[in-house]
PDB file of all heavy atoms in Angstrom:
ATOM      1  N   THR A   1     250.703-299.736 187.785  1.00  0.00           N
ATOM      2  CA  THR A   1     251.488-298.968 188.865  1.00  0.00           C
ATOM      3  C   THR A   1     251.312-297.475 188.766  1.00  0.00           C
ATOM      4  O   THR A   1     251.454-296.832 189.620  1.00  0.00           O
ATOM      5  CB  THR A   1     252.936-299.346 188.739  1.00  0.00           C
ATOM      6  OG1 THR A   1     253.398-299.053 187.400  1.00  0.00           O
ATOM      7  CG2 THR A   1     253.289-300.729 189.104  1.00  0.00           C
ATOM      8  N   SER A   2     250.960-296.944 187.511  1.00  0.00           N
ATOM      9  CA  SER A   2     250.867-295.548 187.389  1.00  0.00           C
ATOM     10  C   SER A   2     249.919-295.223 186.155  1.00  0.00           C
ATOM     11  O   SER A   2     249.666-296.177 185.381  1.00  0.00           O
ATOM     12  CB  SER A   2     252.215-294.901 187.247  1.00  0.00           C
ATOM     13  OG  SER A   2     252.878-295.296 186.003  1.00  0.00           O
ATOM     14  N   TRP A   3     249.534-294.026 186.014  1.00  0.00           N
ATOM     15  CA  TRP A   3     248.699-293.584 184.970  1.00  0.00           C
ATOM     16  C   TRP A   3     249.422-293.906 183.620  1.00  0.00           C
ATOM     17  O   TRP A   3     250.439-293.432 183.346  1.00  0.00           O
ATOM     18  CB  TRP A   3     248.383-292.156 185.038  1.00  0.00           C
ATOM     19  CG  TRP A   3     247.279-291.695 184.210  1.00  0.00           C
ATOM     20  CD1 TRP A   3     247.483-291.133 183.019  1.00  0.00           C
ATOM     21  CD2 TRP A   3     245.878-291.803 184.535  1.00  0.00           C
ATOM     22  NE1 TRP A   3     246.141-290.874 182.487  1.00  0.00           N
ATOM     23  CE2 TRP A   3     245.226-291.266 183.393  1.00  0.00           C
ATOM     24  CE3 TRP A   3     245.179-292.259 185.542  1.00  0.00           C
ATOM     25  CZ2 TRP A   3     243.820-291.212 183.356  1.00  0.00           C
ATOM     26  CZ3 TRP A   3     243.726-292.272 185.473  1.00  0.00           C
ATOM     27  CH2 TRP A   3     243.113-291.743 184.392  1.00  0.00           C
ATOM     28  N   GLY A   4     248.730-294.626 182.639  1.00  0.00           N
ATOM     29  CA  GLY A   4     249.188-294.950 181.396  1.00  0.00           C
ATOM     30  C   GLY A   4     250.302-295.942 181.346  1.00  0.00           C
ATOM     31  O   GLY A   4     250.833-296.398 180.322  1.00  0.00           O
ATOM     32  N   SER A   5     250.647-296.675 182.423  1.00  0.00           N
ATOM     33  CA  SER A   5     251.572-297.690 182.612  1.00  0.00           C
ATOM     34  C   SER A   5     250.949-299.064 182.151  1.00  0.00           C
ATOM     35  O   SER A   5     249.755-299.149 182.366  1.00  0.00           O
ATOM     36  CB  SER A   5     252.180-297.767 184.033  1.00  0.00           C
ATOM     37  OG  SER A   5     252.915-298.954 184.162  1.00  0.00           O
ATOM     38  N   ARG A   6     251.749-299.853 181.794  1.00  0.00           N
ATOM     39  CA  ARG A   6     251.310-301.326 181.630  1.00  0.00           C
ATOM     40  C   ARG A   6     251.876-302.245 182.572  1.00  0.00           C
ATOM     41  O   ARG A   6     251.560-303.416 182.665  1.00  0.00           O
ATOM     42  CB  ARG A   6     251.734-301.775 180.206  1.00  0.00           C
ATOM     43  CG  ARG A   6     251.038-301.008 179.073  1.00  0.00           C
ATOM     44  CD  ARG A   6     251.312-301.590 177.672  1.00  0.00           C
ATOM     45  NE  ARG A   6     250.738-300.839 176.643  1.00  0.00           N
ATOM     46  CZ  ARG A   6     249.524-301.056 176.170  1.00  0.00           C
ATOM     47  NH1 ARG A   6     248.821-301.991 176.591  1.00  0.00           N
ATOM     48  NH2 ARG A   6     249.123-300.278 175.143  1.00  0.00           N
ATOM     49  N   THR A   7     252.683-301.721 183.525  1.00  0.00           N
ATOM     50  CA  THR A   7     253.284-302.523 184.532  1.00  0.00           C
ATOM     51  C   THR A   7     252.173-302.876 185.639  1.00  0.00           C
ATOM     52  O   THR A   7     251.552-301.946 186.258  1.00  0.00           O
ATOM     53  CB  THR A   7     254.461-301.798 185.316  1.00  0.00           C
ATOM     54  OG1 THR A   7     255.365-301.383 184.313  1.00  0.00           O
ATOM     55  CG2 THR A   7     255.063-302.608 186.400  1.00  0.00           C
ATOM     56  N   PRO A   8     251.889-304.107 185.912  1.00  0.00           N
ATOM     57  CA  PRO A   8     250.895-304.491 186.770  1.00  0.00           C
ATOM     58  C   PRO A   8     251.208-304.160 188.284  1.00  0.00           C
ATOM     59  O   PRO A   8     252.338-304.118 188.711  1.00  0.00           O
ATOM     60  CB  PRO A   8     250.680-305.938 186.641  1.00  0.00           C
ATOM     61  CG  PRO A   8     251.997-306.507 186.019  1.00  0.00           C
ATOM     62  CD  PRO A   8     252.576-305.367 185.291  1.00  0.00           C
ATOM     63  N   LEU A   9     250.200-303.756 188.955  1.00  0.00           N
ATOM     64  CA  LEU A   9     250.253-303.367 190.434  1.00  0.00           C
ATOM     65  C   LEU A   9     249.704-304.529 191.227  1.00  0.00           C
ATOM     66  O   LEU A   9     248.655-305.181 190.955  1.00  0.00           O
ATOM     67  CB  LEU A   9     249.470-302.192 190.679  1.00  0.00           C
ATOM     68  CG  LEU A   9     249.427-301.652 192.136  1.00  0.00           C
ATOM     69  CD1 LEU A   9     250.830-301.150 192.603  1.00  0.00           C
ATOM     70  CD2 LEU A   9     248.429-300.561 192.285  1.00  0.00           C
ATOM     71  N   ASP A  10     250.596-305.064 192.123  1.00  0.00           N
ATOM     72  CA  ASP A  10     250.150-306.184 192.934  1.00  0.00           C
ATOM     73  C   ASP A  10     249.309-305.542 194.037  1.00  0.00           C
ATOM     74  O   ASP A  10     249.749-304.843 194.866  1.00  0.00           O
ATOM     75  CB  ASP A  10     251.447-306.931 193.490  1.00  0.00           C
ATOM     76  CG  ASP A  10     251.224-308.080 194.293  1.00  0.00           C
ATOM     77  OD1 ASP A  10     250.208-308.743 194.005  1.00  0.00           O
ATOM     78  OD2 ASP A  10     252.013-308.375 195.182  1.00  0.00           O
ATOM     79  N   VAL A  11     248.110-306.037 194.135  1.00  0.00           N
ATOM     80  CA  VAL A  11     247.151-305.590 195.042  1.00  0.00           C
ATOM     81  C   VAL A  11     246.633-306.812 195.940  1.00  0.00           C
ATOM     82  O   VAL A  11     246.511-307.917 195.347  1.00  0.00           O
ATOM     83  CB  VAL A  11     245.963-304.779 194.615  1.00  0.00           C
ATOM     84  CG1 VAL A  11     246.468-303.546 193.813  1.00  0.00           C
ATOM     85  CG2 VAL A  11     245.130-305.637 193.590  1.00  0.00           C
ATOM     86  N   VAL A  12     246.281-306.459 197.136  1.00  0.00           N
ATOM     87  CA  VAL A  12     245.616-307.495 198.004  1.00  0.00           C
ATOM     88  C   VAL A  12     244.208-306.765 198.321  1.00  0.00           C
ATOM     89  O   VAL A  12     244.142-305.714 198.913  1.00  0.00           O
ATOM     90  CB  VAL A  12     246.388-307.713 199.374  1.00  0.00           C
ATOM     91  CG1 VAL A  12     245.593-308.587 200.307  1.00  0.00           C
ATOM     92  CG2 VAL A  12     247.717-308.313 199.061  1.00  0.00           C
ATOM     93  N   LEU A  13     243.167-307.435 197.875  1.00  0.00           N
ATOM     94  CA  LEU A  13     241.805-306.860 198.086  1.00  0.00           C
ATOM     95  C   LEU A  13     241.379-307.021 199.506  1.00  0.00           C
ATOM     96  O   LEU A  13     241.593-308.028 200.175  1.00  0.00           O
ATOM     97  CB  LEU A  13     240.830-307.601 197.144  1.00  0.00           C
ATOM     98  CG  LEU A  13     241.148-307.439 195.720  1.00  0.00           C
ATOM     99  CD1 LEU A  13     240.143-308.281 194.887  1.00  0.00           C
ATOM    100  CD2 LEU A  13     241.168-306.011 195.215  1.00  0.00           C
ATOM    101  N   VAL A  14     240.769-305.899 200.033  1.00  0.00           N
ATOM    102  CA  VAL A  14     240.231-305.887 201.379  1.00  0.00           C
ATOM    103  C   VAL A  14     238.801-305.429 201.220  1.00  0.00           C
ATOM    104  O   VAL A  14     238.314-304.916 200.385  1.00  0.00           O
ATOM    105  CB  VAL A  14     241.117-304.879 202.247  1.00  0.00           C
ATOM    106  CG1 VAL A  14     242.551-305.351 202.380  1.00  0.00           C
ATOM    107  CG2 VAL A  14     241.094-303.517 201.735  1.00  0.00           C
ATOM    108  N   GLU A  15     238.163-305.629 202.444  1.00  0.00           N
ATOM    109  CA  GLU A  15     236.717-305.136 202.569  1.00  0.00           C
ATOM    110  C   GLU A  15     236.725-303.642 202.583  1.00  0.00           C
ATOM    111  O   GLU A  15     237.550-303.057 203.299  1.00  0.00           O
ATOM    112  CB  GLU A  15     236.117-305.634 203.854  1.00  0.00           C
ATOM    113  CG  GLU A  15     235.866-307.055 203.925  1.00  0.00           C
ATOM    114  CD  GLU A  15     234.888-307.572 202.861  1.00  0.00           C
ATOM    115  OE1 GLU A  15     233.986-306.771 202.403  1.00  0.00           O
ATOM    116  OE2 GLU A  15     234.988-308.694 202.347  1.00  0.00           O
ATOM    117  N   PRO A  16     235.833-302.995 201.694  1.00  0.00           N
ATOM    118  CA  PRO A  16     235.946-301.532 201.655  1.00  0.00           C
ATOM    119  C   PRO A  16     235.129-300.882 202.732  1.00  0.00           C
ATOM    120  O   PRO A  16     233.979-300.519 202.568  1.00  0.00           O
ATOM    121  CB  PRO A  16     235.238-301.350 200.176  1.00  0.00           C
ATOM    122  CG  PRO A  16     234.464-302.486 200.102  1.00  0.00           C
ATOM    123  CD  PRO A  16     235.072-303.617 200.714  1.00  0.00           C
ATOM    124  N   GLU A  17     235.607-300.824 204.043  1.00  0.00           N
ATOM    125  CA  GLU A  17     234.873-300.341 205.037  1.00  0.00           C
ATOM    126  C   GLU A  17     235.572-299.293 205.949  1.00  0.00           C
ATOM    127  O   GLU A  17     235.111-299.037 207.024  1.00  0.00           O
ATOM    128  CB  GLU A  17     234.553-301.595 206.014  1.00  0.00           C
ATOM    129  CG  GLU A  17     235.850-302.324 206.389  1.00  0.00           C
ATOM    130  CD  GLU A  17     235.531-303.730 207.017  1.00  0.00           C
ATOM    131  OE1 GLU A  17     234.307-304.216 206.841  1.00  0.00           O
ATOM    132  OE2 GLU A  17     236.369-304.297 207.587  1.00  0.00           O
ATOM    133  N   LEU A  18     236.617-298.627 205.447  1.00  0.00           N
ATOM    134  CA  LEU A  18     237.305-297.647 206.083  1.00  0.00           C
ATOM    135  C   LEU A  18     237.304-296.392 205.263  1.00  0.00           C
ATOM    136  O   LEU A  18     237.346-296.488 204.004  1.00  0.00           O
ATOM    137  CB  LEU A  18     238.783-298.024 206.444  1.00  0.00           C
ATOM    138  CG  LEU A  18     239.004-299.223 207.379  1.00  0.00           C
ATOM    139  CD1 LEU A  18     240.408-299.493 207.529  1.00  0.00           C
ATOM    140  CD2 LEU A  18     238.404-298.842 208.755  1.00  0.00           C
ATOM    141  N   VAL A  19     237.274-295.233 205.869  1.00  0.00           N
ATOM    142  CA  VAL A  19     237.387-293.949 205.194  1.00  0.00           C
ATOM    143  C   VAL A  19     238.772-293.324 205.516  1.00  0.00           C
ATOM    144  O   VAL A  19     239.221-293.302 206.697  1.00  0.00           O
ATOM    145  CB  VAL A  19     236.219-293.044 205.705  1.00  0.00           C
ATOM    146  CG1 VAL A  19     236.369-291.660 205.004  1.00  0.00           C
ATOM    147  CG2 VAL A  19     234.907-293.608 205.296  1.00  0.00           C
ATOM    148  N   ALA A  20     239.411-292.874 204.507  1.00  0.00           N
ATOM    149  CA  ALA A  20     240.708-292.178 204.678  1.00  0.00           C
ATOM    150  C   ALA A  20     240.665-290.700 204.258  1.00  0.00           C
ATOM    151  O   ALA A  20     239.944-290.355 203.354  1.00  0.00           O
ATOM    152  CB  ALA A  20     241.711-292.819 203.833  1.00  0.00           C
ATOM    153  N   GLU A  21     241.333-289.809 205.010  1.00  0.00           N
ATOM    154  CA  GLU A  21     241.559-288.526 204.562  1.00  0.00           C
ATOM    155  C   GLU A  21     242.810-288.513 203.776  1.00  0.00           C
ATOM    156  O   GLU A  21     243.819-289.104 204.192  1.00  0.00           O
ATOM    157  CB  GLU A  21     241.732-287.647 205.785  1.00  0.00           C
ATOM    158  CG  GLU A  21     241.915-286.202 205.460  1.00  0.00           C
ATOM    159  CD  GLU A  21     242.005-285.350 206.762  1.00  0.00           C
ATOM    160  OE1 GLU A  21     241.228-285.671 207.659  1.00  0.00           O
ATOM    161  OE2 GLU A  21     242.802-284.323 206.822  1.00  0.00           O
ATOM    162  N   ILE A  22     242.713-287.824 202.594  1.00  0.00           N
ATOM    163  CA  ILE A  22     243.923-287.772 201.685  1.00  0.00           C
ATOM    164  C   ILE A  22     244.135-286.371 201.227  1.00  0.00           C
ATOM    165  O   ILE A  22     243.286-285.584 201.331  1.00  0.00           O
ATOM    166  CB  ILE A  22     243.628-288.746 200.456  1.00  0.00           C
ATOM    167  CG1 ILE A  22     242.378-288.345 199.740  1.00  0.00           C
ATOM    168  CG2 ILE A  22     243.634-290.177 200.999  1.00  0.00           C
ATOM    169  CD1 ILE A  22     242.107-289.171 198.446  1.00  0.00           C
ATOM    170  N   THR A  23     245.362-286.130 200.674  1.00  0.00           N
ATOM    171  CA  THR A  23     245.685-284.955 199.988  1.00  0.00           C
ATOM    172  C   THR A  23     245.953-285.270 198.579  1.00  0.00           C
ATOM    173  O   THR A  23     246.504-286.322 198.279  1.00  0.00           O
ATOM    174  CB  THR A  23     246.859-284.167 200.658  1.00  0.00           C
ATOM    175  OG1 THR A  23     248.001-285.055 200.601  1.00  0.00           O
ATOM    176  CG2 THR A  23     246.555-283.765 202.159  1.00  0.00           C
ATOM    177  N   VAL A  24     245.532-284.418 197.671  1.00  0.00           N
ATOM    178  CA  VAL A  24     245.551-284.709 196.278  1.00  0.00           C
ATOM    179  C   VAL A  24     245.912-283.350 195.473  1.00  0.00           C
ATOM    180  O   VAL A  24     245.856-282.343 195.971  1.00  0.00           O
ATOM    181  CB  VAL A  24     244.122-285.209 195.635  1.00  0.00           C
ATOM    182  CG1 VAL A  24     243.759-286.436 196.500  1.00  0.00           C
ATOM    183  CG2 VAL A  24     243.079-284.160 195.867  1.00  0.00           C
ATOM    184  N   ASP A  25     246.272-283.629 194.162  1.00  0.00           N
ATOM    185  CA  ASP A  25     246.425-282.438 193.329  1.00  0.00           C
ATOM    186  C   ASP A  25     245.118-282.439 192.517  1.00  0.00           C
ATOM    187  O   ASP A  25     244.130-283.030 192.863  1.00  0.00           O
ATOM    188  CB  ASP A  25     247.642-282.604 192.475  1.00  0.00           C
ATOM    189  CG  ASP A  25     247.622-283.746 191.432  1.00  0.00           C
ATOM    190  OD1 ASP A  25     246.553-284.244 191.168  1.00  0.00           O
ATOM    191  OD2 ASP A  25     248.610-283.990 190.841  1.00  0.00           O
ATOM    192  N   THR A  26     245.150-281.636 191.517  1.00  0.00           N
ATOM    193  CA  THR A  26     243.795-281.398 190.842  1.00  0.00           C
ATOM    194  C   THR A  26     243.699-282.136 189.536  1.00  0.00           C
ATOM    195  O   THR A  26     242.661-281.912 188.832  1.00  0.00           O
ATOM    196  CB  THR A  26     243.692-279.823 190.532  1.00  0.00           C
ATOM    197  OG1 THR A  26     244.737-279.425 189.688  1.00  0.00           O
ATOM    198  CG2 THR A  26     243.647-279.033 191.696  1.00  0.00           C
ATOM    199  N   ALA A  27     244.670-282.946 189.135  1.00  0.00           N
ATOM    200  CA  ALA A  27     244.560-283.682 187.852  1.00  0.00           C
ATOM    201  C   ALA A  27     243.614-284.851 187.945  1.00  0.00           C
ATOM    202  O   ALA A  27     243.982-285.879 188.505  1.00  0.00           O
ATOM    203  CB  ALA A  27     245.935-284.095 187.370  1.00  0.00           C
ATOM    204  N   LEU A  28     242.412-284.732 187.386  1.00  0.00           N
ATOM    205  CA  LEU A  28     241.453-285.774 187.354  1.00  0.00           C
ATOM    206  C   LEU A  28     241.110-286.197 185.974  1.00  0.00           C
ATOM    207  O   LEU A  28     241.178-285.384 185.088  1.00  0.00           O
ATOM    208  CB  LEU A  28     240.099-285.299 188.007  1.00  0.00           C
ATOM    209  CG  LEU A  28     240.037-285.081 189.533  1.00  0.00           C
ATOM    210  CD1 LEU A  28     238.728-284.402 189.917  1.00  0.00           C
ATOM    211  CD2 LEU A  28     240.019-286.497 190.218  1.00  0.00           C
ATOM    212  N   GLU A  29     240.752-287.449 185.716  1.00  0.00           N
ATOM    213  CA  GLU A  29     240.237-288.024 184.472  1.00  0.00           C
ATOM    214  C   GLU A  29     239.273-289.031 184.786  1.00  0.00           C
ATOM    215  O   GLU A  29     239.592-290.022 185.476  1.00  0.00           O
ATOM    216  CB  GLU A  29     241.429-288.450 183.612  1.00  0.00           C
ATOM    217  CG  GLU A  29     240.992-288.770 182.179  1.00  0.00           C
ATOM    218  CD  GLU A  29     242.008-288.903 181.150  1.00  0.00           C
ATOM    219  OE1 GLU A  29     242.864-288.102 181.181  1.00  0.00           O
ATOM    220  OE2 GLU A  29     241.954-289.891 180.441  1.00  0.00           O
ATOM    221  N   HIS A  30     238.071-288.794 184.330  1.00  0.00           N
ATOM    222  CA  HIS A  30     236.924-289.780 184.516  1.00  0.00           C
ATOM    223  C   HIS A  30     236.828-289.958 185.997  1.00  0.00           C
ATOM    224  O   HIS A  30     236.398-291.160 186.400  1.00  0.00           O
ATOM    225  CB  HIS A  30     237.210-291.140 183.835  1.00  0.00           C
ATOM    226  CG  HIS A  30     237.431-290.949 182.288  1.00  0.00           C
ATOM    227  ND1 HIS A  30     236.591-290.532 181.383  1.00  0.00           N
ATOM    228  CD2 HIS A  30     238.587-291.190 181.641  1.00  0.00           C
ATOM    229  CE1 HIS A  30     236.967-290.505 180.192  1.00  0.00           C
ATOM    230  NE2 HIS A  30     238.280-290.758 180.274  1.00  0.00           N
ATOM    231  N   GLY A  31     236.894-289.024 186.845  1.00  0.00           N
ATOM    232  CA  GLY A  31     236.668-289.046 188.223  1.00  0.00           C
ATOM    233  C   GLY A  31     237.807-289.782 189.064  1.00  0.00           C
ATOM    234  O   GLY A  31     237.580-289.854 190.222  1.00  0.00           O
ATOM    235  N   ALA A  32     238.898-290.047 188.436  1.00  0.00           N
ATOM    236  CA  ALA A  32     240.101-290.639 189.130  1.00  0.00           C
ATOM    237  C   ALA A  32     241.234-289.780 189.113  1.00  0.00           C
ATOM    238  O   ALA A  32     241.470-289.020 188.118  1.00  0.00           O
ATOM    239  CB  ALA A  32     240.460-292.048 188.511  1.00  0.00           C
ATOM    240  N   TRP A  33     241.962-289.750 190.208  1.00  0.00           N
ATOM    241  CA  TRP A  33     243.160-288.848 190.267  1.00  0.00           C
ATOM    242  C   TRP A  33     244.249-289.457 189.374  1.00  0.00           C
ATOM    243  O   TRP A  33     244.586-290.632 189.492  1.00  0.00           O
ATOM    244  CB  TRP A  33     243.651-288.592 191.690  1.00  0.00           C
ATOM    245  CG  TRP A  33     242.732-287.648 192.384  1.00  0.00           C
ATOM    246  CD1 TRP A  33     242.653-286.297 192.135  1.00  0.00           C
ATOM    247  CD2 TRP A  33     241.875-287.921 193.422  1.00  0.00           C
ATOM    248  NE1 TRP A  33     241.792-285.776 192.938  1.00  0.00           N
ATOM    249  CE2 TRP A  33     241.208-286.747 193.774  1.00  0.00           C
ATOM    250  CE3 TRP A  33     241.618-289.056 194.115  1.00  0.00           C
ATOM    251  CZ2 TRP A  33     240.366-286.570 194.776  1.00  0.00           C
ATOM    252  CZ3 TRP A  33     240.697-288.971 195.101  1.00  0.00           C
ATOM    253  CH2 TRP A  33     240.108-287.746 195.413  1.00  0.00           C
ATOM    254  N   ARG A  34     244.930-288.696 188.557  1.00  0.00           N
ATOM    255  CA  ARG A  34     246.004-289.101 187.706  1.00  0.00           C
ATOM    256  C   ARG A  34     247.311-289.387 188.385  1.00  0.00           C
ATOM    257  O   ARG A  34     248.071-290.231 188.118  1.00  0.00           O
ATOM    258  CB  ARG A  34     246.180-288.153 186.495  1.00  0.00           C
ATOM    259  CG  ARG A  34     245.059-288.177 185.513  1.00  0.00           C
ATOM    260  CD  ARG A  34     245.365-287.347 184.304  1.00  0.00           C
ATOM    261  NE  ARG A  34     246.459-288.051 183.588  1.00  0.00           N
ATOM    262  CZ  ARG A  34     246.905-287.681 182.437  1.00  0.00           C
ATOM    263  NH1 ARG A  34     246.322-286.632 181.857  1.00  0.00           N
ATOM    264  NH2 ARG A  34     247.806-288.348 181.862  1.00  0.00           N
ATOM    265  N   HIS A  35     247.455-288.521 189.478  1.00  0.00           N
ATOM    266  CA  HIS A  35     248.737-288.568 190.254  1.00  0.00           C
ATOM    267  C   HIS A  35     248.449-289.274 191.623  1.00  0.00           C
ATOM    268  O   HIS A  35     247.324-289.226 192.129  1.00  0.00           O
ATOM    269  CB  HIS A  35     249.312-287.256 190.444  1.00  0.00           C
ATOM    270  CG  HIS A  35     249.615-286.556 189.158  1.00  0.00           C
ATOM    271  ND1 HIS A  35     249.068-285.261 188.851  1.00  0.00           N
ATOM    272  CD2 HIS A  35     250.395-286.894 188.166  1.00  0.00           C
ATOM    273  CE1 HIS A  35     249.453-284.907 187.655  1.00  0.00           C
ATOM    274  NE2 HIS A  35     250.172-285.880 187.242  1.00  0.00           N
ATOM    275  N   PRO A  36     249.439-290.015 192.140  1.00  0.00           N
ATOM    276  CA  PRO A  36     249.228-290.584 193.453  1.00  0.00           C
ATOM    277  C   PRO A  36     248.727-289.657 194.473  1.00  0.00           C
ATOM    278  O   PRO A  36     249.110-288.512 194.581  1.00  0.00           O
ATOM    279  CB  PRO A  36     250.542-291.227 193.781  1.00  0.00           C
ATOM    280  CG  PRO A  36     251.288-291.390 192.526  1.00  0.00           C
ATOM    281  CD  PRO A  36     250.864-290.091 191.616  1.00  0.00           C
ATOM    282  N   VAL A  37     247.854-290.092 195.401  1.00  0.00           N
ATOM    283  CA  VAL A  37     247.343-289.289 196.476  1.00  0.00           C
ATOM    284  C   VAL A  37     248.241-289.621 197.656  1.00  0.00           C
ATOM    285  O   VAL A  37     248.932-290.634 197.690  1.00  0.00           O
ATOM    286  CB  VAL A  37     245.892-289.584 196.747  1.00  0.00           C
ATOM    287  CG1 VAL A  37     244.996-289.395 195.473  1.00  0.00           C
ATOM    288  CG2 VAL A  37     245.728-291.008 197.291  1.00  0.00           C
TER     289      VAL A  37
END
């Protein structure tokens, strides 16, 4: 559910065929944002 958490996130996988515009902060680690976008 969040960075460093052990609580599982329930996801439904979808075809990766859409592009989204997002806003983010600058905290990155290994190319992934640490905070929710």
